[in-house]
Amino acid sequence: AENNTSWSRDEVLSTILQYRMDNDLTTFFTSNFTIDELENLLAETSKGADLIKARRIVERIRFLTIEEKLISKNKRK
């Protein structure tokens, strides 16, 4: 696991998502987290929690996605 920084969330991820929204580009996400779990994960940074900025990112993700839950046997065991 890696630490989330406010810079990577606010300057990198936010900028990429906004660009893709503005240009109506197809965007694929994969995650082991639900969107709600992702919001909590993005809120936590090395400088503390910032739920407002995390919600902005998640709003962009929700706009760009249709959430599908894939259930499969864990093949890493």
Protein backbone atom coordinates (compact mmCIF):
# COMPACT_ATOMS: atom_id res chain seq x y z
CA ALA A 1 0.00 0.00 0.00
CA GLU A 2 1.12 3.54 -0.58
CA ASN A 3 0.34 6.76 1.22
CA ASN A 4 -2.02 9.17 -0.44
CA THR A 5 -0.74 12.74 -0.55
CA SER A 6 -2.84 15.85 -0.94
CA TRP A 7 -0.67 16.80 -3.95
CA SER A 8 -1.32 13.51 -5.79
CA ARG A 9 -5.03 13.76 -5.04
CA ASP A 10 -5.55 17.47 -5.72
CA GLU A 11 -3.02 18.25 -8.43
CA VAL A 12 -2.64 14.97 -10.30
CA LEU A 13 -5.81 12.89 -9.97
CA SER A 14 -8.19 15.84 -9.91
CA THR A 15 -6.59 17.39 -13.01
CA ILE A 16 -6.69 14.14 -14.97
CA LEU A 17 -10.33 13.47 -14.08
CA GLN A 18 -11.40 17.02 -14.90
CA TYR A 19 -9.67 16.86 -18.29
CA ARG A 20 -11.33 13.56 -19.13
CA MET A 21 -14.75 14.92 -18.08
CA ASP A 22 -14.32 18.12 -20.10
CA ASN A 23 -13.32 16.18 -23.21
CA ASP A 24 -15.89 13.38 -22.83
CA LEU A 25 -13.18 10.71 -22.82
CA THR A 26 -13.73 7.09 -21.91
CA THR A 27 -12.17 6.31 -18.56
CA PHE A 28 -11.75 2.94 -16.90
CA PHE A 29 -11.11 2.46 -13.20
CA THR A 30 -10.34 -0.71 -11.32
CA SER A 31 -10.22 -0.93 -7.57
CA ASN A 32 -10.66 -3.30 -4.69
CA PHE A 33 -12.69 -0.54 -3.01
CA THR A 34 -16.28 0.58 -3.49
CA ILE A 35 -16.77 4.23 -4.38
CA ASP A 36 -17.76 4.98 -0.77
CA GLU A 37 -14.64 3.25 0.53
CA LEU A 38 -12.57 5.14 -2.02
CA GLU A 39 -13.91 8.44 -0.71
CA ASN A 40 -12.70 7.59 2.79
CA LEU A 41 -9.35 6.43 1.42
CA LEU A 42 -8.86 9.63 -0.59
CA ALA A 43 -9.78 11.76 2.43
CA GLU A 44 -6.81 10.44 4.40
CA THR A 45 -3.46 11.99 3.53
CA SER A 46 -0.12 12.31 5.23
CA LYS A 47 -1.28 15.73 6.47
CA GLY A 48 -4.59 14.51 7.91
CA ALA A 49 -8.13 14.08 6.60
CA ASP A 50 -9.83 16.31 4.02
CA LEU A 51 -13.25 14.88 3.24
CA ILE A 52 -14.36 17.85 1.11
CA LYS A 53 -11.57 17.43 -1.44
CA ALA A 54 -12.07 13.66 -1.44
CA ARG A 55 -15.77 14.17 -2.21
CA ARG A 56 -14.87 16.39 -5.19
CA ILE A 57 -12.73 13.61 -6.64
CA VAL A 58 -15.42 11.00 -6.00
CA GLU A 59 -18.04 13.21 -7.67
CA ARG A 60 -15.87 13.26 -10.79
CA ILE A 61 -15.40 9.49 -10.62
CA ARG A 62 -19.16 8.95 -10.22
CA PHE A 63 -19.78 11.19 -13.25
CA LEU A 64 -17.36 9.17 -15.37
CA THR A 65 -18.35 5.67 -14.31
CA ILE A 66 -20.93 2.98 -14.04
CA GLU A 67 -19.98 0.89 -11.04
CA GLU A 68 -19.90 -2.85 -11.60
CA LYS A 69 -19.02 -5.32 -8.89
CA LEU A 70 -17.08 -8.31 -10.15
CA ILE A 71 -17.11 -11.33 -7.89
CA SER A 72 -14.58 -14.06 -8.43
CA LYS A 73 -12.54 -16.56 -6.52
CA ASN A 74 -9.27 -15.12 -5.20
CA LYS A 75 -6.60 -16.64 -7.43
CA ARG A 76 -3.70 -15.13 -5.49
CA LYS A 77 -3.98 -17.69 -2.68
